[in-house]
N, C-alpha and C. Protein backbone atom coordinates (compact mmCIF):
# COMPACT_ATOMS: atom_id res chain seq x y z
N UNK A 1 8.26 44.12 36.14
CA UNK A 1 8.09 43.89 34.70
C UNK A 1 9.39 44.19 33.97
N UNK A 2 9.85 43.26 33.16
CA UNK A 2 11.04 43.51 32.36
C UNK A 2 10.72 44.49 31.25
N UNK A 3 11.63 45.42 30.98
CA UNK A 3 11.45 46.37 29.89
C UNK A 3 12.72 46.42 29.05
N UNK A 4 12.56 46.91 27.82
CA UNK A 4 13.70 47.16 26.95
C UNK A 4 13.60 48.56 26.38
N UNK A 5 14.73 49.08 25.98
CA UNK A 5 14.75 50.37 25.29
C UNK A 5 14.37 50.18 23.83
N UNK A 6 14.16 51.28 23.15
CA UNK A 6 13.85 51.23 21.72
C UNK A 6 14.99 50.59 20.95
N UNK A 7 16.22 50.96 21.27
CA UNK A 7 17.36 50.41 20.54
C UNK A 7 17.51 48.91 20.81
N UNK A 8 17.23 48.49 22.02
CA UNK A 8 17.30 47.05 22.34
C UNK A 8 16.24 46.27 21.59
N UNK A 9 15.05 46.83 21.47
CA UNK A 9 13.98 46.14 20.73
C UNK A 9 14.33 46.06 19.25
N UNK A 10 14.90 47.12 18.70
CA UNK A 10 15.33 47.08 17.30
C UNK A 10 16.38 46.01 17.08
N UNK A 11 17.27 45.85 18.05
CA UNK A 11 18.32 44.84 17.93
C UNK A 11 17.72 43.43 18.00
N UNK A 12 16.73 43.23 18.85
CA UNK A 12 16.05 41.93 18.89
C UNK A 12 15.41 41.61 17.54
N UNK A 13 14.73 42.59 16.98
CA UNK A 13 14.11 42.39 15.66
C UNK A 13 15.19 42.09 14.61
N UNK A 14 16.26 42.88 14.62
CA UNK A 14 17.31 42.71 13.62
C UNK A 14 17.92 41.31 13.70
N UNK A 15 18.23 40.88 14.89
CA UNK A 15 18.87 39.57 15.04
C UNK A 15 17.92 38.43 14.67
N UNK A 16 16.63 38.59 15.01
CA UNK A 16 15.66 37.57 14.63
C UNK A 16 15.59 37.43 13.11
N UNK A 17 15.66 38.57 12.42
CA UNK A 17 15.56 38.57 10.95
C UNK A 17 16.86 38.12 10.31
N UNK A 18 17.99 38.68 10.76
CA UNK A 18 19.26 38.43 10.07
C UNK A 18 19.94 37.14 10.51
N UNK A 19 19.92 36.83 11.80
CA UNK A 19 20.63 35.65 12.29
C UNK A 19 19.77 34.39 12.23
N UNK A 20 18.49 34.54 12.56
CA UNK A 20 17.61 33.37 12.58
C UNK A 20 16.81 33.23 11.30
N UNK A 21 16.95 34.21 10.40
CA UNK A 21 16.32 34.16 9.08
C UNK A 21 14.80 34.11 9.15
N UNK A 22 14.23 34.76 10.16
CA UNK A 22 12.78 34.88 10.23
C UNK A 22 12.38 36.06 9.35
N UNK A 23 11.61 35.86 8.29
CA UNK A 23 11.24 36.99 7.44
C UNK A 23 10.49 38.06 8.23
N UNK A 24 10.77 39.30 7.93
CA UNK A 24 10.11 40.39 8.66
C UNK A 24 8.60 40.32 8.53
N UNK A 25 8.12 39.84 7.38
CA UNK A 25 6.68 39.77 7.20
C UNK A 25 6.06 38.68 8.08
N UNK A 26 6.85 37.67 8.47
CA UNK A 26 6.37 36.66 9.41
C UNK A 26 6.22 37.28 10.80
N UNK A 27 7.18 38.09 11.22
CA UNK A 27 7.05 38.78 12.50
C UNK A 27 5.85 39.71 12.50
N UNK A 28 5.61 40.38 11.37
CA UNK A 28 4.44 41.26 11.26
C UNK A 28 3.15 40.46 11.35
N UNK A 29 3.12 39.33 10.66
CA UNK A 29 1.93 38.46 10.72
C UNK A 29 1.69 37.98 12.15
N UNK A 30 2.75 37.56 12.83
CA UNK A 30 2.61 37.10 14.21
C UNK A 30 2.11 38.21 15.12
N UNK A 31 2.64 39.43 14.92
CA UNK A 31 2.20 40.57 15.73
C UNK A 31 0.72 40.83 15.53
N UNK A 32 0.27 40.76 14.28
CA UNK A 32 -1.14 40.98 14.00
C UNK A 32 -2.02 39.90 14.60
N UNK A 33 -1.63 38.64 14.44
CA UNK A 33 -2.44 37.53 14.95
C UNK A 33 -2.54 37.59 16.47
N UNK A 34 -1.42 37.83 17.14
CA UNK A 34 -1.46 37.88 18.61
C UNK A 34 -2.27 39.08 19.10
N UNK A 35 -2.23 40.18 18.37
CA UNK A 35 -3.08 41.32 18.73
C UNK A 35 -4.55 40.97 18.56
N UNK A 36 -4.87 40.26 17.48
CA UNK A 36 -6.25 39.85 17.23
C UNK A 36 -6.75 38.93 18.33
N UNK A 37 -5.89 38.05 18.84
CA UNK A 37 -6.30 37.19 19.95
C UNK A 37 -6.84 38.02 21.10
N UNK A 38 -6.12 39.08 21.45
CA UNK A 38 -6.57 39.94 22.55
C UNK A 38 -7.81 40.73 22.16
N UNK A 39 -7.81 41.34 20.98
CA UNK A 39 -8.94 42.16 20.55
C UNK A 39 -10.22 41.34 20.46
N UNK A 40 -10.12 40.16 19.88
CA UNK A 40 -11.28 39.28 19.74
C UNK A 40 -11.85 38.90 21.10
N UNK A 41 -10.99 38.51 22.01
CA UNK A 41 -11.46 38.14 23.36
C UNK A 41 -12.12 39.31 24.06
N UNK A 42 -11.49 40.50 23.93
CA UNK A 42 -12.06 41.69 24.59
C UNK A 42 -13.40 42.07 23.97
N UNK A 43 -13.49 42.05 22.65
CA UNK A 43 -14.73 42.43 21.98
C UNK A 43 -15.86 41.47 22.31
N UNK A 44 -15.58 40.19 22.36
CA UNK A 44 -16.63 39.22 22.71
C UNK A 44 -17.11 39.44 24.14
N UNK A 45 -16.17 39.68 25.04
CA UNK A 45 -16.52 39.90 26.44
C UNK A 45 -17.36 41.15 26.62
N UNK A 46 -17.10 42.17 25.79
CA UNK A 46 -17.78 43.46 25.93
C UNK A 46 -18.85 43.70 24.87
N UNK A 47 -19.16 42.67 24.09
CA UNK A 47 -20.23 42.74 23.09
C UNK A 47 -19.99 43.87 22.08
N UNK A 48 -18.79 43.89 21.51
CA UNK A 48 -18.40 44.89 20.51
C UNK A 48 -18.23 44.20 19.16
N UNK A 49 -18.73 44.84 18.11
CA UNK A 49 -18.69 44.17 16.80
C UNK A 49 -18.15 45.05 15.68
N UNK A 50 -18.06 46.36 15.89
CA UNK A 50 -17.66 47.29 14.84
C UNK A 50 -16.34 47.95 15.22
N UNK A 51 -15.36 47.85 14.33
CA UNK A 51 -13.99 48.25 14.68
C UNK A 51 -13.42 49.20 13.63
N UNK A 52 -12.84 50.29 14.10
CA UNK A 52 -12.09 51.22 13.25
C UNK A 52 -10.61 51.02 13.53
N UNK A 53 -9.83 50.73 12.49
CA UNK A 53 -8.39 50.55 12.63
C UNK A 53 -7.68 51.71 11.96
N UNK A 54 -6.88 52.44 12.73
CA UNK A 54 -6.11 53.56 12.22
C UNK A 54 -4.69 53.07 11.96
N UNK A 55 -4.25 53.16 10.72
CA UNK A 55 -2.95 52.63 10.32
C UNK A 55 -2.04 53.74 9.79
N UNK A 56 -0.79 53.73 10.24
CA UNK A 56 0.23 54.55 9.59
C UNK A 56 0.77 53.84 8.36
N UNK A 57 1.76 54.43 7.75
CA UNK A 57 2.30 53.86 6.51
C UNK A 57 3.46 52.90 6.75
N UNK A 58 3.95 52.82 8.00
CA UNK A 58 5.10 51.99 8.30
C UNK A 58 4.72 50.63 8.85
N UNK A 59 5.66 50.02 9.58
CA UNK A 59 5.45 48.66 10.06
C UNK A 59 4.33 48.54 11.09
N UNK A 60 4.14 49.58 11.90
CA UNK A 60 3.02 49.53 12.84
C UNK A 60 1.70 49.51 12.09
N UNK A 61 1.62 50.31 11.03
CA UNK A 61 0.44 50.25 10.16
C UNK A 61 0.30 48.91 9.49
N UNK A 62 1.44 48.27 9.14
CA UNK A 62 1.39 46.93 8.58
C UNK A 62 0.78 45.95 9.55
N UNK A 63 1.14 46.06 10.84
CA UNK A 63 0.49 45.23 11.86
C UNK A 63 -1.02 45.44 11.84
N UNK A 64 -1.42 46.71 11.72
CA UNK A 64 -2.84 47.02 11.69
C UNK A 64 -3.56 46.41 10.51
N UNK A 65 -2.88 46.35 9.36
CA UNK A 65 -3.48 45.74 8.17
C UNK A 65 -3.66 44.24 8.34
N UNK A 66 -2.70 43.59 9.00
CA UNK A 66 -2.86 42.17 9.33
C UNK A 66 -4.05 41.99 10.26
N UNK A 67 -4.15 42.85 11.26
CA UNK A 67 -5.26 42.78 12.21
C UNK A 67 -6.59 42.92 11.48
N UNK A 68 -6.67 43.86 10.56
CA UNK A 68 -7.92 44.06 9.81
C UNK A 68 -8.33 42.79 9.09
N UNK A 69 -7.39 42.16 8.42
CA UNK A 69 -7.69 40.95 7.66
C UNK A 69 -8.25 39.83 8.55
N UNK A 70 -7.60 39.61 9.69
CA UNK A 70 -8.04 38.52 10.57
C UNK A 70 -9.36 38.84 11.27
N UNK A 71 -9.58 40.11 11.59
CA UNK A 71 -10.86 40.47 12.20
C UNK A 71 -12.01 40.33 11.20
N UNK A 72 -11.76 40.65 9.94
CA UNK A 72 -12.77 40.43 8.90
C UNK A 72 -13.12 38.95 8.82
N UNK A 73 -12.11 38.10 8.88
CA UNK A 73 -12.37 36.66 8.83
C UNK A 73 -13.15 36.17 10.04
N UNK A 74 -13.10 36.91 11.14
CA UNK A 74 -13.86 36.57 12.33
C UNK A 74 -15.23 37.25 12.34
N UNK A 75 -15.60 37.85 11.21
CA UNK A 75 -16.93 38.42 10.99
C UNK A 75 -17.18 39.74 11.72
N UNK A 76 -16.12 40.43 12.09
CA UNK A 76 -16.30 41.78 12.63
C UNK A 76 -16.53 42.77 11.48
N UNK A 77 -17.22 43.85 11.79
CA UNK A 77 -17.36 44.95 10.84
C UNK A 77 -16.14 45.85 11.00
N UNK A 78 -15.31 45.90 9.98
CA UNK A 78 -14.01 46.57 10.08
C UNK A 78 -13.89 47.67 9.03
N UNK A 79 -13.51 48.85 9.48
CA UNK A 79 -13.10 49.93 8.59
C UNK A 79 -11.64 50.23 8.87
N UNK A 80 -10.83 50.22 7.82
CA UNK A 80 -9.41 50.53 7.95
C UNK A 80 -9.16 51.92 7.37
N UNK A 81 -8.62 52.80 8.19
CA UNK A 81 -8.36 54.17 7.77
C UNK A 81 -6.85 54.38 7.81
N UNK A 82 -6.25 54.57 6.64
CA UNK A 82 -4.80 54.68 6.52
C UNK A 82 -4.42 56.16 6.45
N UNK A 83 -3.57 56.56 7.38
CA UNK A 83 -3.24 57.98 7.52
C UNK A 83 -2.10 58.37 6.57
N UNK A 84 -2.29 58.03 5.30
CA UNK A 84 -1.29 58.30 4.28
C UNK A 84 -1.91 58.02 2.92
N UNK A 85 -1.46 58.68 1.87
CA UNK A 85 -1.85 58.24 0.52
C UNK A 85 -1.32 56.84 0.25
N UNK A 86 -2.01 56.11 -0.59
CA UNK A 86 -1.63 54.73 -0.89
C UNK A 86 -0.21 54.62 -1.43
N UNK A 87 0.20 55.60 -2.23
CA UNK A 87 1.50 55.54 -2.90
C UNK A 87 2.67 55.52 -1.93
N UNK A 88 2.45 55.91 -0.68
CA UNK A 88 3.54 55.97 0.30
C UNK A 88 3.83 54.65 0.98
N UNK A 89 2.98 53.64 0.79
CA UNK A 89 3.21 52.35 1.42
C UNK A 89 4.17 51.52 0.58
N UNK A 90 5.13 50.91 1.25
CA UNK A 90 6.10 50.06 0.56
C UNK A 90 6.36 48.81 1.41
N UNK A 91 7.05 47.83 0.84
CA UNK A 91 7.51 46.69 1.61
C UNK A 91 6.39 45.86 2.20
N UNK A 92 6.61 45.37 3.42
CA UNK A 92 5.63 44.50 4.08
C UNK A 92 4.27 45.17 4.28
N UNK A 93 4.20 46.44 4.68
CA UNK A 93 2.88 47.07 4.79
C UNK A 93 2.12 47.07 3.47
N UNK A 94 2.82 47.34 2.35
CA UNK A 94 2.15 47.32 1.05
C UNK A 94 1.65 45.92 0.72
N UNK A 95 2.46 44.91 1.00
CA UNK A 95 2.03 43.53 0.76
C UNK A 95 0.74 43.22 1.50
N UNK A 96 0.67 43.62 2.76
CA UNK A 96 -0.53 43.35 3.53
C UNK A 96 -1.71 44.20 3.09
N UNK A 97 -1.45 45.41 2.60
CA UNK A 97 -2.52 46.22 2.02
C UNK A 97 -3.12 45.54 0.81
N UNK A 98 -2.28 45.02 -0.07
CA UNK A 98 -2.77 44.36 -1.28
C UNK A 98 -3.65 43.16 -0.92
N UNK A 99 -3.23 42.39 0.08
CA UNK A 99 -4.06 41.26 0.51
C UNK A 99 -5.42 41.75 1.00
N UNK A 100 -5.41 42.81 1.81
CA UNK A 100 -6.66 43.35 2.34
C UNK A 100 -7.54 43.89 1.22
N UNK A 101 -6.94 44.53 0.23
CA UNK A 101 -7.71 45.00 -0.92
C UNK A 101 -8.33 43.83 -1.67
N UNK A 102 -7.56 42.75 -1.84
CA UNK A 102 -8.09 41.58 -2.54
C UNK A 102 -9.23 40.92 -1.77
N UNK A 103 -9.25 41.12 -0.45
CA UNK A 103 -10.34 40.62 0.38
C UNK A 103 -11.55 41.56 0.36
N UNK A 104 -11.40 42.66 -0.37
CA UNK A 104 -12.45 43.68 -0.47
C UNK A 104 -12.77 44.31 0.90
N UNK A 105 -11.71 44.51 1.68
CA UNK A 105 -11.90 45.22 2.94
C UNK A 105 -12.27 46.68 2.70
N UNK A 106 -12.95 47.28 3.66
CA UNK A 106 -13.32 48.69 3.58
C UNK A 106 -12.11 49.51 4.00
N UNK A 107 -11.53 50.23 3.04
CA UNK A 107 -10.28 50.96 3.27
C UNK A 107 -10.45 52.40 2.80
N UNK A 108 -10.00 53.32 3.64
CA UNK A 108 -9.97 54.73 3.26
C UNK A 108 -8.55 55.26 3.47
N UNK A 109 -8.15 56.21 2.64
CA UNK A 109 -6.84 56.83 2.76
C UNK A 109 -7.03 58.31 3.07
N UNK A 110 -6.23 58.81 4.01
CA UNK A 110 -6.31 60.23 4.34
C UNK A 110 -5.46 61.04 3.37
N UNK A 111 -5.68 62.31 3.37
CA UNK A 111 -4.85 63.21 2.57
C UNK A 111 -4.24 64.26 3.49
N UNK A 112 -3.50 65.18 2.94
CA UNK A 112 -2.81 66.18 3.76
C UNK A 112 -3.73 67.26 4.30
N UNK A 113 -4.98 67.23 3.91
CA UNK A 113 -5.91 68.27 4.33
C UNK A 113 -6.60 67.96 5.65
N UNK A 114 -6.42 66.74 6.16
CA UNK A 114 -7.05 66.39 7.43
C UNK A 114 -8.13 65.35 7.28
N UNK A 115 -8.76 64.97 8.39
CA UNK A 115 -9.77 63.91 8.35
C UNK A 115 -10.95 64.29 7.47
N UNK A 116 -11.45 63.30 6.72
CA UNK A 116 -12.57 63.55 5.83
C UNK A 116 -13.83 62.89 6.38
N UNK A 117 -14.89 62.91 5.59
CA UNK A 117 -16.18 62.39 6.06
C UNK A 117 -16.11 60.91 6.39
N UNK A 118 -15.25 60.15 5.69
CA UNK A 118 -15.16 58.71 5.96
C UNK A 118 -14.60 58.46 7.36
N UNK A 119 -13.67 59.31 7.81
CA UNK A 119 -13.14 59.15 9.16
C UNK A 119 -14.22 59.46 10.19
N UNK A 120 -14.91 60.59 10.02
CA UNK A 120 -15.93 60.97 11.00
C UNK A 120 -17.04 59.92 11.07
N UNK A 121 -17.43 59.38 9.93
CA UNK A 121 -18.47 58.35 9.90
C UNK A 121 -18.00 57.10 10.64
N UNK A 122 -16.79 56.63 10.33
CA UNK A 122 -16.28 55.42 10.95
C UNK A 122 -16.07 55.61 12.45
N UNK A 123 -15.54 56.77 12.84
CA UNK A 123 -15.32 57.03 14.27
C UNK A 123 -16.63 57.12 15.04
N UNK A 124 -17.65 57.63 14.37
CA UNK A 124 -18.94 57.74 15.04
C UNK A 124 -19.66 56.42 15.17
N UNK A 125 -19.47 55.52 14.21
CA UNK A 125 -20.23 54.27 14.18
C UNK A 125 -19.53 53.10 14.85
N UNK A 126 -18.21 53.19 15.06
CA UNK A 126 -17.48 52.04 15.58
C UNK A 126 -17.72 51.85 17.08
N UNK A 127 -17.42 50.65 17.55
CA UNK A 127 -17.47 50.34 18.98
C UNK A 127 -16.12 50.51 19.65
N UNK A 128 -15.05 50.33 18.88
CA UNK A 128 -13.69 50.39 19.43
C UNK A 128 -12.74 50.87 18.34
N UNK A 129 -11.70 51.58 18.74
CA UNK A 129 -10.68 52.08 17.82
C UNK A 129 -9.37 51.34 18.09
N UNK A 130 -8.75 50.85 17.02
CA UNK A 130 -7.43 50.24 17.12
C UNK A 130 -6.40 51.23 16.60
N UNK A 131 -5.42 51.54 17.42
CA UNK A 131 -4.37 52.50 17.09
C UNK A 131 -3.14 51.74 16.59
N UNK A 132 -2.90 51.81 15.27
CA UNK A 132 -1.70 51.23 14.67
C UNK A 132 -1.04 52.27 13.78
N UNK A 133 -0.88 53.47 14.31
CA UNK A 133 -0.36 54.60 13.54
C UNK A 133 1.16 54.63 13.58
N UNK A 134 1.71 54.77 14.79
CA UNK A 134 3.16 54.81 14.97
C UNK A 134 3.58 53.74 15.98
N UNK A 135 4.76 53.16 15.75
CA UNK A 135 5.26 52.14 16.66
C UNK A 135 6.20 52.71 17.70
N UNK A 136 7.08 51.86 18.19
CA UNK A 136 7.94 52.23 19.31
C UNK A 136 9.09 53.15 18.91
N UNK A 137 9.39 53.25 17.63
CA UNK A 137 10.56 54.02 17.20
C UNK A 137 10.31 55.49 16.96
N UNK A 138 9.11 55.98 17.22
CA UNK A 138 8.81 57.39 16.96
C UNK A 138 9.70 58.30 17.81
N UNK A 139 10.34 59.28 17.16
CA UNK A 139 11.25 60.17 17.89
C UNK A 139 11.07 61.63 17.49
N UNK A 140 9.93 61.95 16.89
CA UNK A 140 9.68 63.33 16.49
C UNK A 140 8.24 63.70 16.85
N UNK A 141 8.00 65.00 16.96
CA UNK A 141 6.65 65.44 17.30
C UNK A 141 5.68 65.14 16.17
N UNK A 142 4.49 64.75 16.54
CA UNK A 142 3.46 64.43 15.55
C UNK A 142 2.93 65.72 14.92
N UNK A 143 2.79 65.70 13.61
CA UNK A 143 2.35 66.86 12.86
C UNK A 143 0.91 66.66 12.36
N UNK A 144 0.34 67.74 11.86
CA UNK A 144 -0.96 67.66 11.21
C UNK A 144 -0.83 66.94 9.88
N UNK A 145 -1.86 66.25 9.43
CA UNK A 145 -3.20 66.13 10.02
C UNK A 145 -3.34 65.00 11.03
N UNK A 146 -2.25 64.24 11.25
CA UNK A 146 -2.35 63.10 12.17
C UNK A 146 -2.63 63.58 13.60
N UNK A 147 -2.09 64.73 13.94
CA UNK A 147 -2.33 65.29 15.28
C UNK A 147 -3.82 65.47 15.53
N UNK A 148 -4.52 66.01 14.55
CA UNK A 148 -5.97 66.19 14.70
C UNK A 148 -6.70 64.85 14.79
N UNK A 149 -6.28 63.88 14.00
CA UNK A 149 -6.93 62.58 14.02
C UNK A 149 -6.76 61.90 15.37
N UNK A 150 -5.58 62.02 15.97
CA UNK A 150 -5.37 61.45 17.31
C UNK A 150 -6.24 62.17 18.33
N UNK A 151 -6.30 63.49 18.24
CA UNK A 151 -7.14 64.25 19.16
C UNK A 151 -8.61 63.85 19.05
N UNK A 152 -9.10 63.73 17.83
CA UNK A 152 -10.49 63.32 17.62
C UNK A 152 -10.73 61.91 18.14
N UNK A 153 -9.76 61.03 17.95
CA UNK A 153 -9.90 59.66 18.44
C UNK A 153 -9.95 59.61 19.96
N UNK A 154 -9.08 60.39 20.60
CA UNK A 154 -9.07 60.44 22.06
C UNK A 154 -10.38 60.95 22.62
N UNK A 155 -11.04 61.82 21.87
CA UNK A 155 -12.27 62.45 22.35
C UNK A 155 -13.53 61.84 21.77
N UNK A 156 -13.39 60.69 21.09
CA UNK A 156 -14.55 60.07 20.44
C UNK A 156 -15.44 59.29 21.41
N UNK A 157 -14.96 59.10 22.62
CA UNK A 157 -15.75 58.36 23.60
C UNK A 157 -15.76 56.86 23.35
N UNK A 158 -14.77 56.38 22.60
CA UNK A 158 -14.68 54.95 22.29
C UNK A 158 -13.43 54.36 22.94
N UNK A 159 -13.48 53.11 23.37
CA UNK A 159 -12.27 52.47 23.87
C UNK A 159 -11.21 52.41 22.78
N UNK A 160 -9.96 52.60 23.15
CA UNK A 160 -8.85 52.52 22.20
C UNK A 160 -7.89 51.42 22.65
N UNK A 161 -7.52 50.58 21.71
CA UNK A 161 -6.50 49.56 21.93
C UNK A 161 -5.31 49.90 21.04
N UNK A 162 -4.16 50.16 21.64
CA UNK A 162 -2.96 50.49 20.86
C UNK A 162 -2.17 49.22 20.54
N UNK A 163 -1.58 49.21 19.36
CA UNK A 163 -0.77 48.09 18.90
C UNK A 163 0.70 48.43 19.07
N UNK A 164 1.38 47.70 19.90
CA UNK A 164 2.79 47.83 20.26
C UNK A 164 3.06 49.02 21.17
N UNK A 165 2.55 50.20 20.83
CA UNK A 165 2.74 51.38 21.69
C UNK A 165 1.68 52.41 21.34
N UNK A 166 1.26 53.23 22.30
CA UNK A 166 0.35 54.33 21.96
C UNK A 166 1.06 55.30 21.02
N UNK A 167 0.45 55.62 19.93
CA UNK A 167 1.07 56.53 18.96
C UNK A 167 1.29 57.90 19.60
N UNK A 168 2.52 58.38 19.48
CA UNK A 168 2.88 59.68 20.07
C UNK A 168 3.65 59.57 21.36
N UNK A 169 3.78 58.37 21.92
CA UNK A 169 4.56 58.17 23.14
C UNK A 169 6.01 57.85 22.80
N UNK A 170 6.95 58.57 23.39
CA UNK A 170 8.36 58.26 23.23
C UNK A 170 8.67 57.09 24.16
N UNK A 171 9.06 55.97 23.56
CA UNK A 171 9.08 54.72 24.32
C UNK A 171 10.34 54.49 25.14
N UNK A 172 11.26 55.45 25.14
CA UNK A 172 12.38 55.41 26.08
C UNK A 172 12.12 56.28 27.30
N UNK A 173 11.49 57.43 27.08
CA UNK A 173 11.37 58.43 28.15
C UNK A 173 9.96 58.56 28.72
N UNK A 174 8.96 58.05 27.99
CA UNK A 174 7.59 58.25 28.41
C UNK A 174 7.06 59.64 28.12
N UNK A 175 7.79 60.41 27.31
CA UNK A 175 7.34 61.76 26.95
C UNK A 175 6.28 61.69 25.85
N UNK A 176 5.42 62.69 25.82
CA UNK A 176 4.43 62.82 24.75
C UNK A 176 5.00 63.72 23.67
N UNK A 177 5.00 63.23 22.44
CA UNK A 177 5.59 63.96 21.32
C UNK A 177 4.53 64.82 20.64
N UNK A 178 4.13 65.86 21.34
CA UNK A 178 3.11 66.79 20.84
C UNK A 178 1.72 66.36 21.23
N UNK A 179 1.37 65.13 20.92
CA UNK A 179 0.10 64.53 21.30
C UNK A 179 0.31 63.02 21.29
N UNK A 180 -0.47 62.32 22.10
CA UNK A 180 -0.36 60.86 22.12
C UNK A 180 -1.74 60.24 22.30
N UNK A 181 -1.91 59.07 21.76
CA UNK A 181 -3.12 58.30 21.97
C UNK A 181 -3.23 57.95 23.45
N UNK A 182 -4.43 58.06 23.98
CA UNK A 182 -4.71 57.65 25.37
C UNK A 182 -5.49 56.33 25.29
N UNK A 183 -4.75 55.24 25.35
CA UNK A 183 -5.34 53.92 25.17
C UNK A 183 -5.84 53.35 26.49
N UNK A 184 -6.86 52.52 26.39
CA UNK A 184 -7.29 51.74 27.54
C UNK A 184 -6.44 50.47 27.68
N UNK A 185 -5.95 49.99 26.53
CA UNK A 185 -5.11 48.79 26.51
C UNK A 185 -4.01 48.97 25.47
N UNK A 186 -2.85 48.42 25.76
CA UNK A 186 -1.75 48.36 24.79
C UNK A 186 -1.30 46.91 24.66
N UNK A 187 -1.35 46.40 23.43
CA UNK A 187 -0.83 45.06 23.14
C UNK A 187 0.56 45.26 22.56
N UNK A 188 1.58 44.90 23.30
CA UNK A 188 2.95 45.17 22.87
C UNK A 188 3.68 43.88 22.55
N UNK A 189 4.65 43.97 21.66
CA UNK A 189 5.28 42.79 21.09
C UNK A 189 6.55 42.39 21.85
N UNK A 190 6.58 41.17 22.32
CA UNK A 190 7.76 40.49 22.86
C UNK A 190 8.15 40.93 24.27
N UNK A 191 8.34 42.24 24.47
CA UNK A 191 8.78 42.76 25.76
C UNK A 191 8.17 44.16 25.92
N UNK A 192 7.82 44.52 27.15
CA UNK A 192 7.34 45.88 27.41
C UNK A 192 8.47 46.88 27.18
N UNK A 193 8.09 48.12 26.87
CA UNK A 193 9.08 49.15 26.58
C UNK A 193 9.29 50.06 27.79
N UNK A 194 10.51 50.53 27.94
CA UNK A 194 10.91 51.30 29.12
C UNK A 194 9.96 52.48 29.39
N UNK A 195 9.58 53.20 28.32
CA UNK A 195 8.76 54.39 28.49
C UNK A 195 7.34 54.12 28.93
N UNK A 196 6.91 52.86 28.93
CA UNK A 196 5.56 52.54 29.41
C UNK A 196 5.40 52.81 30.90
N UNK A 197 6.51 52.73 31.63
CA UNK A 197 6.45 52.78 33.09
C UNK A 197 6.84 54.12 33.68
N UNK A 198 7.30 55.04 32.85
CA UNK A 198 7.80 56.32 33.36
C UNK A 198 7.15 57.48 32.61
N UNK A 199 7.31 58.68 33.15
CA UNK A 199 6.76 59.88 32.51
C UNK A 199 5.28 59.75 32.30
N UNK A 200 4.83 60.06 31.08
CA UNK A 200 3.41 59.97 30.74
C UNK A 200 3.00 58.57 30.27
N UNK A 201 3.96 57.63 30.31
CA UNK A 201 3.68 56.29 29.81
C UNK A 201 2.44 55.64 30.38
N UNK A 202 2.31 55.55 31.72
CA UNK A 202 1.16 54.85 32.29
C UNK A 202 -0.19 55.44 31.89
N UNK A 203 -0.28 56.75 31.73
CA UNK A 203 -1.57 57.35 31.37
C UNK A 203 -1.91 57.15 29.90
N UNK A 204 -0.90 56.81 29.08
CA UNK A 204 -1.15 56.59 27.66
C UNK A 204 -1.38 55.11 27.33
N UNK A 205 -0.69 54.22 28.01
CA UNK A 205 -0.76 52.81 27.65
C UNK A 205 -2.00 52.10 28.18
N UNK A 206 -2.53 52.57 29.32
CA UNK A 206 -3.56 51.78 29.97
C UNK A 206 -2.96 50.46 30.43
N UNK A 207 -3.76 49.40 30.40
CA UNK A 207 -3.26 48.08 30.78
C UNK A 207 -2.40 47.51 29.66
N UNK A 208 -1.22 47.05 30.00
CA UNK A 208 -0.26 46.55 29.01
C UNK A 208 -0.31 45.03 28.96
N UNK A 209 -0.44 44.50 27.73
CA UNK A 209 -0.43 43.05 27.51
C UNK A 209 0.73 42.72 26.58
N UNK A 210 1.68 41.94 27.05
CA UNK A 210 2.83 41.54 26.26
C UNK A 210 2.51 40.23 25.55
N UNK A 211 2.76 40.19 24.23
CA UNK A 211 2.43 39.00 23.46
C UNK A 211 3.67 38.45 22.75
N UNK A 212 3.65 37.16 22.53
CA UNK A 212 4.75 36.44 21.90
C UNK A 212 4.60 36.49 20.38
N UNK A 213 5.62 37.00 19.69
CA UNK A 213 5.58 37.02 18.21
C UNK A 213 6.62 36.08 17.61
N UNK A 214 7.12 35.16 18.44
CA UNK A 214 8.05 34.11 18.00
C UNK A 214 9.47 34.59 17.76
N UNK A 215 9.87 35.68 18.43
CA UNK A 215 11.29 35.99 18.50
C UNK A 215 11.94 34.89 19.34
N UNK A 216 13.03 34.29 18.87
CA UNK A 216 13.61 33.16 19.60
C UNK A 216 13.87 33.46 21.08
N UNK A 217 13.51 32.50 21.92
CA UNK A 217 13.64 32.67 23.37
C UNK A 217 15.08 32.95 23.77
N UNK A 218 16.03 32.38 23.04
CA UNK A 218 17.43 32.63 23.36
C UNK A 218 17.76 34.11 23.28
N UNK A 219 17.18 34.82 22.32
CA UNK A 219 17.39 36.26 22.23
C UNK A 219 16.69 37.00 23.37
N UNK A 220 15.46 36.60 23.65
CA UNK A 220 14.69 37.30 24.67
C UNK A 220 15.27 37.09 26.07
N UNK A 221 15.94 35.97 26.27
CA UNK A 221 16.52 35.68 27.59
C UNK A 221 17.84 36.41 27.83
N UNK A 222 18.37 37.04 26.80
CA UNK A 222 19.62 37.79 27.01
C UNK A 222 19.37 38.99 27.89
N UNK A 223 20.32 39.31 28.79
CA UNK A 223 20.11 40.45 29.71
C UNK A 223 19.94 41.75 28.96
N UNK A 224 19.09 42.63 29.50
CA UNK A 224 18.98 43.98 28.95
C UNK A 224 19.38 44.96 30.04
N UNK A 225 19.51 46.20 29.67
CA UNK A 225 19.90 47.23 30.62
C UNK A 225 18.73 47.71 31.47
N UNK A 226 17.52 47.21 31.17
CA UNK A 226 16.32 47.76 31.81
C UNK A 226 15.53 46.71 32.57
N UNK A 227 16.12 45.57 32.85
CA UNK A 227 15.41 44.54 33.61
C UNK A 227 15.07 45.06 35.00
N UNK A 228 13.85 44.74 35.44
CA UNK A 228 13.41 45.18 36.77
C UNK A 228 12.90 44.00 37.55
């Protein structure tokens, strides 16, 4: 399996946006749609209809907000739980939040005090949890209250599908940054990440599915330092 480092993946994204003029929000939309393709197929196969999506405030959370919108359109019961106050969202994630709000999606925001009753209710009633908290660029230990939310999610007895990377996994080394999501499946964008195959990576990612988000093939075909 070919892999790339975090810095190599950032460079692919940068060049797609700056050189090929692909808007970042288009890449986010593609990431969400391709994730939904996998989630929808898996849910239909396993007779799952109720979904809890955990979103961070950054681009990985933005992917999750796109996923929420498309799953709602497919008639799933979706609760979106954003692990941040609303005021902290900016840029593409905020744009996708506004669209989801206009669709009257069920959205809850966490506070600094930890998970509230809306989280416990959604986690208890859902069939599957989608992890879109942190992406591949995480390089610091996870702090409270997100640490508790990840722990509760891991112990909820529900299948977890991570978007791009399991939150809390260092995607170069495979180290766990304090705590990490233990996913059954990881839908990752464009190329698998180096840390998926080493350290604690395999126990966190579960089965890895690489999806195309329309980064130009010419960029993806360029050699990386981690080809295997």
